[in-house]
C-alpha atoms as a PDB file:
ATOM      1  CA  MET A   1      -2.256  55.737 -30.253  1.00  0.00           C
ATOM      2  CA  ARG A   2      -2.943  53.433 -26.800  1.00  0.00           C
ATOM      3  CA  ALA A   3      -7.167  51.678 -27.134  1.00  0.00           C
ATOM      4  CA  THR A   4      -8.519  52.739 -23.852  1.00  0.00           C
ATOM      5  CA  THR A   5     -11.643  52.350 -23.134  1.00  0.00           C
ATOM      6  CA  ARG A   6     -13.452  53.977 -19.788  1.00  0.00           C
ATOM      7  CA  THR A   7     -15.453  51.827 -17.889  1.00  0.00           C
ATOM      8  CA  THR A   8     -18.542  52.303 -15.091  1.00  0.00           C
ATOM      9  CA  THR A   9     -16.465  52.663 -12.385  1.00  0.00           C
ATOM     10  CA  GLY A  10     -14.001  54.578 -13.351  1.00  0.00           C
ATOM     11  CA  THR A  11     -10.734  53.299 -14.091  1.00  0.00           C
ATOM     12  CA  THR A  12      -9.436  52.498 -18.270  1.00  0.00           C
ATOM     13  CA  THR A  13      -9.195  49.036 -19.614  1.00  0.00           C
ATOM     14  CA  GLY A  14      -7.068  48.614 -22.452  1.00  0.00           C
ATOM     15  CA  THR A  15      -3.945  47.160 -24.386  1.00  0.00           C
ATOM     16  CA  GLY A  16      -1.759  49.318 -22.633  1.00  0.00           C
ATOM     17  CA  SER A  17      -2.956  50.480 -19.784  1.00  0.00           C
ATOM     18  CA  LEU A  18      -1.247  49.226 -16.441  1.00  0.00           C
ATOM     19  CA  GLN A  19      -3.803  50.151 -14.292  1.00  0.00           C
ATOM     20  CA  GLY A  20      -6.905  48.786 -16.769  1.00  0.00           C
ATOM     21  CA  ARG A  21      -5.038  45.390 -17.341  1.00  0.00           C
ATOM     22  CA  LEU A  22      -4.611  45.393 -13.088  1.00  0.00           C
ATOM     23  CA  ALA A  23      -8.482  46.593 -12.446  1.00  0.00           C
ATOM     24  CA  ASN A  24      -8.969  43.645 -14.474  1.00  0.00           C
ATOM     25  CA  ARG A  25      -7.423  41.453 -12.134  1.00  0.00           C
ATOM     26  CA  VAL A  26      -8.886  42.484  -9.146  1.00  0.00           C
ATOM     27  CA  ARG A  27     -12.547  42.042 -10.234  1.00  0.00           C
ATOM     28  CA  GLU A  28     -11.710  38.836 -12.172  1.00  0.00           C
ATOM     29  CA  GLY A  29     -11.417  37.670  -8.348  1.00  0.00           C
ATOM     30  CA  GLY A  30      -7.894  37.104  -8.748  1.00  0.00           C
ATOM     31  CA  ASP A  31      -7.396  33.131  -8.921  1.00  0.00           C
ATOM     32  CA  ARG A  32      -4.672  32.767  -9.932  1.00  0.00           C
ATOM     33  CA  GLY A  33      -2.024  30.487  -8.078  1.00  0.00           C
ATOM     34  CA  SER A  34      -4.833  29.019  -6.241  1.00  0.00           C
ATOM     35  CA  SER A  35      -4.811  25.402  -8.140  1.00  0.00           C
ATOM     36  CA  ILE A  36      -1.030  24.823  -6.826  1.00  0.00           C
ATOM     37  CA  LEU A  37      -2.476  25.975  -2.797  1.00  0.00           C
ATOM     38  CA  GLU A  38      -5.546  23.308  -3.354  1.00  0.00           C
ATOM     39  CA  PHE A  39      -2.958  20.703  -4.574  1.00  0.00           C
ATOM     40  CA  THR A  40      -0.812  21.301  -1.554  1.00  0.00           C
ATOM     41  CA  GLY A  41      -3.804  20.856   0.978  1.00  0.00           C
ATOM     42  CA  PHE A  42      -5.019  17.960  -0.671  1.00  0.00           C
ATOM     43  CA  LEU A  43      -1.109  15.826  -1.153  1.00  0.00           C
ATOM     44  CA  PRO A  44      -0.987  15.120   2.604  1.00  0.00           C
ATOM     45  CA  ILE A  45      -3.998  12.771   1.636  1.00  0.00           C
ATOM     46  CA  LEU A  46      -2.971  11.299  -1.731  1.00  0.00           C
ATOM     47  CA  ILE A  47       0.196  10.058   0.200  1.00  0.00           C
ATOM     48  CA  LEU A  48      -1.951   8.837   2.697  1.00  0.00           C
ATOM     49  CA  ILE A  49      -4.102   7.001   0.003  1.00  0.00           C
ATOM     50  CA  GLY A  50      -1.024   5.830  -1.654  1.00  0.00           C
ATOM     51  CA  LEU A  51       1.147   4.164   1.745  1.00  0.00           C
ATOM     52  CA  ALA A  52      -2.220   2.622   2.366  1.00  0.00           C
ATOM     53  CA  CYS A  53      -2.184   1.100  -1.544  1.00  0.00           C
ATOM     54  CA  ILE A  54       1.647  -0.264  -0.801  1.00  0.00           C
ATOM     55  CA  GLN A  55       0.281  -1.844   2.803  1.00  0.00           C
ATOM     56  CA  LEU A  56      -2.963  -3.602   1.294  1.00  0.00           C
ATOM     57  CA  GLY A  57      -0.483  -5.251  -1.098  1.00  0.00           C
ATOM     58  CA  LEU A  58       2.523  -5.976   1.349  1.00  0.00           C
ATOM     59  CA  ILE A  59      -0.938  -7.787   3.812  1.00  0.00           C
ATOM     60  CA  GLY A  60      -1.264  -9.458   0.172  1.00  0.00           C
ATOM     61  CA  TYR A  61       2.094 -10.191  -0.044  1.00  0.00           C
ATOM     62  CA  GLY A  62       2.482 -11.517   3.531  1.00  0.00           C
ATOM     63  CA  LEU A  63      -0.621 -13.984   2.887  1.00  0.00           C
ATOM     64  CA  SER A  64       0.252 -15.464   0.182  1.00  0.00           C
ATOM     65  CA  GLN A  65       3.884 -16.395   1.581  1.00  0.00           C
ATOM     66  CA  ALA A  66       1.924 -17.646   4.318  1.00  0.00           C
ATOM     67  CA  GLY A  67      -0.167 -20.032   2.360  1.00  0.00           C
ATOM     68  CA  THR A  68       3.209 -21.258   0.310  1.00  0.00           C
ATOM     69  CA  GLY A  69       5.153 -21.565   3.343  1.00  0.00           C
ATOM     70  CA  ALA A  70       2.930 -23.457   5.119  1.00  0.00           C
ATOM     71  CA  ARG A  71       1.427 -25.506   2.134  1.00  0.00           C
ATOM     72  CA  ALA A  72       5.649 -26.706   1.786  1.00  0.00           C
ATOM     73  CA  ALA A  73       6.047 -27.272   5.497  1.00  0.00           C
ATOM     74  CA  ALA A  74       2.942 -29.598   5.215  1.00  0.00           C
ATOM     75  CA  ARG A  75       4.337 -31.696   2.259  1.00  0.00           C
ATOM     76  CA  THR A  76       7.542 -31.769   3.387  1.00  0.00           C
ATOM     77  CA  ALA A  77       7.125 -33.247   6.601  1.00  0.00           C
ATOM     78  CA  SER A  78       4.243 -35.769   5.184  1.00  0.00           C
ATOM     79  CA  LEU A  79       6.743 -36.741   3.686  1.00  0.00           C
ATOM     80  CA  ASP A  80       8.839 -37.476   7.285  1.00  0.00           C
ATOM     81  CA  GLY A  81      11.195 -34.602   6.219  1.00  0.00           C
ATOM     82  CA  ASP A  82      12.059 -30.965   7.858  1.00  0.00           C
ATOM     83  CA  GLY A  83       8.584 -29.374   7.335  1.00  0.00           C
ATOM     84  CA  VAL A  84       9.856 -26.594   9.910  1.00  0.00           C
ATOM     85  CA  ALA A  85      13.230 -25.599   8.041  1.00  0.00           C
ATOM     86  CA  ALA A  86      10.877 -26.601   4.113  1.00  0.00           C
ATOM     87  CA  GLY A  87       8.457 -23.610   4.882  1.00  0.00           C
ATOM     88  CA  VAL A  88      11.060 -20.773   6.195  1.00  0.00           C
ATOM     89  CA  ALA A  89      12.890 -21.508   3.227  1.00  0.00           C
ATOM     90  CA  SER A  90       9.525 -20.768   1.199  1.00  0.00           C
ATOM     91  CA  VAL A  91       9.559 -17.662   2.715  1.00  0.00           C
ATOM     92  CA  SER A  92      11.251 -14.463   2.575  1.00  0.00           C
ATOM     93  CA  ASP A  93      12.784 -13.563   5.609  1.00  0.00           C
ATOM     94  CA  TRP A  94      11.853  -9.843   6.126  1.00  0.00           C
ATOM     95  CA  LEU A  95       8.733 -11.329   6.936  1.00  0.00           C
ATOM     96  CA  ASP A  96       9.999 -12.992   9.828  1.00  0.00           C
ATOM     97  CA  PRO A  97       8.107 -16.479   9.355  1.00  0.00           C
ATOM     98  CA  GLU A  98       6.798 -19.001  12.665  1.00  0.00           C
ATOM     99  CA  VAL A  99       6.630 -22.170  11.204  1.00  0.00           C
ATOM    100  CA  ASP A 100       4.749 -26.003  13.219  1.00  0.00           C
ATOM    101  CA  ALA A 101       4.984 -28.545  10.978  1.00  0.00           C
ATOM    102  CA  PRO A 102       4.636 -31.252  13.381  1.00  0.00           C
ATOM    103  CA  LEU A 103       4.310 -35.376  11.953  1.00  0.00           C
ATOM    104  CA  GLY A 104       0.925 -35.655  11.390  1.00  0.00           C
ATOM    105  CA  ALA A 105      -0.424 -38.673  13.872  1.00  0.00           C
ATOM    106  CA  GLY A 106      -2.493 -40.278  11.373  1.00  0.00           C
ATOM    107  CA  ASP A 107      -3.522 -39.637   7.914  1.00  0.00           C
ATOM    108  CA  THR A 108      -2.791 -36.015   7.138  1.00  0.00           C
ATOM    109  CA  THR A 109      -0.140 -33.372   8.714  1.00  0.00           C
ATOM    110  CA  THR A 110      -0.703 -29.973   9.469  1.00  0.00           C
ATOM    111  CA  ALA A 111       1.442 -27.022   9.198  1.00  0.00           C
ATOM    112  CA  THR A 112       0.950 -23.228  10.209  1.00  0.00           C
ATOM    113  CA  VAL A 113       3.137 -20.699   9.172  1.00  0.00           C
ATOM    114  CA  VAL A 114       2.494 -16.848  11.017  1.00  0.00           C
ATOM    115  CA  VAL A 115       4.556 -14.376   8.938  1.00  0.00           C
ATOM    116  CA  HIS A 116       4.714 -10.735  10.381  1.00  0.00           C
ATOM    117  CA  VAL A 117       3.974  -7.912   7.917  1.00  0.00           C
ATOM    118  CA  PRO A 118       5.879  -4.465   9.028  1.00  0.00           C
ATOM    119  CA  ALA A 119       3.402  -1.572   8.776  1.00  0.00           C
ATOM    120  CA  ILE A 120       4.572   1.576   6.915  1.00  0.00           C
ATOM    121  CA  ILE A 121       1.644   3.762   8.211  1.00  0.00           C
ATOM    122  CA  PRO A 122       3.066   3.974  12.038  1.00  0.00           C
ATOM    123  CA  ILE A 123      -0.097   4.728  13.129  1.00  0.00           C
ATOM    124  CA  PHE A 124      -0.728   1.045  12.474  1.00  0.00           C
ATOM    125  CA  GLY A 125       0.946  -1.901  14.171  1.00  0.00           C
ATOM    126  CA  ASP A 126       2.509  -4.392  12.500  1.00  0.00           C
ATOM    127  CA  PHE A 127       0.280  -7.274  11.186  1.00  0.00           C
ATOM    128  CA  ASP A 128       0.852 -11.669  11.841  1.00  0.00           C
ATOM    129  CA  LEU A 129      -0.753 -13.371   9.272  1.00  0.00           C
ATOM    130  CA  ASP A 130      -1.282 -17.170   9.202  1.00  0.00           C
ATOM    131  CA  ALA A 131      -2.074 -19.234   7.236  1.00  0.00           C
ATOM    132  CA  SER A 132      -2.709 -23.491   7.367  1.00  0.00           C
ATOM    133  CA  ALA A 133      -2.447 -26.593   4.928  1.00  0.00           C
ATOM    134  CA  THR A 134      -2.969 -30.040   6.067  1.00  0.00           C
ATOM    135  CA  MET A 135      -1.418 -32.962   3.349  1.00  0.00           C
ATOM    136  CA  PRO A 136      -1.762 -36.557   3.400  1.00  0.00           C
ATOM    137  CA  ASN A 137       1.054 -38.257   4.533  1.00  0.00           C
ATOM    138  CA  ASP A 138       3.122 -40.875   2.752  1.00  0.00           C
ATOM    139  CA  GLN A 139       2.069 -44.612   2.861  1.00  0.00           C
ATOM    140  CA  ASP A 140       4.320 -46.583   1.821  1.00  0.00           C
ATOM    141  CA  ASP A 141       2.491 -49.922   2.049  1.00  0.00           C
END
């Protein structure tokens, strides 16, 4: 024998009644599978946040590389070396560095490095970041 219960709406419920189980599902709201739809709707926002985090990381890396290149270029130029070559060599090639390291007149030499960070999210353009460094000139007395 199957255990069935008659509800106030006239339907039967029980362990063996398919009609009863379907009626319970309809009464309970039928939200089965809604979490995957919510996740699918929220997924583009999550991807955008992830790409923005990666972009911020690349910008930070670009700033670090520009600073390193500027220090290397200024130090080499202050020692009467090729500051441009030293600056370019100390920066990652994919950042396409532009180095300006003239031998300074007087007591210091200032070098400037501009790096180009590509945009991951195409809505924004590429980022040009610059850094400058000043080093004392080598004085042989």
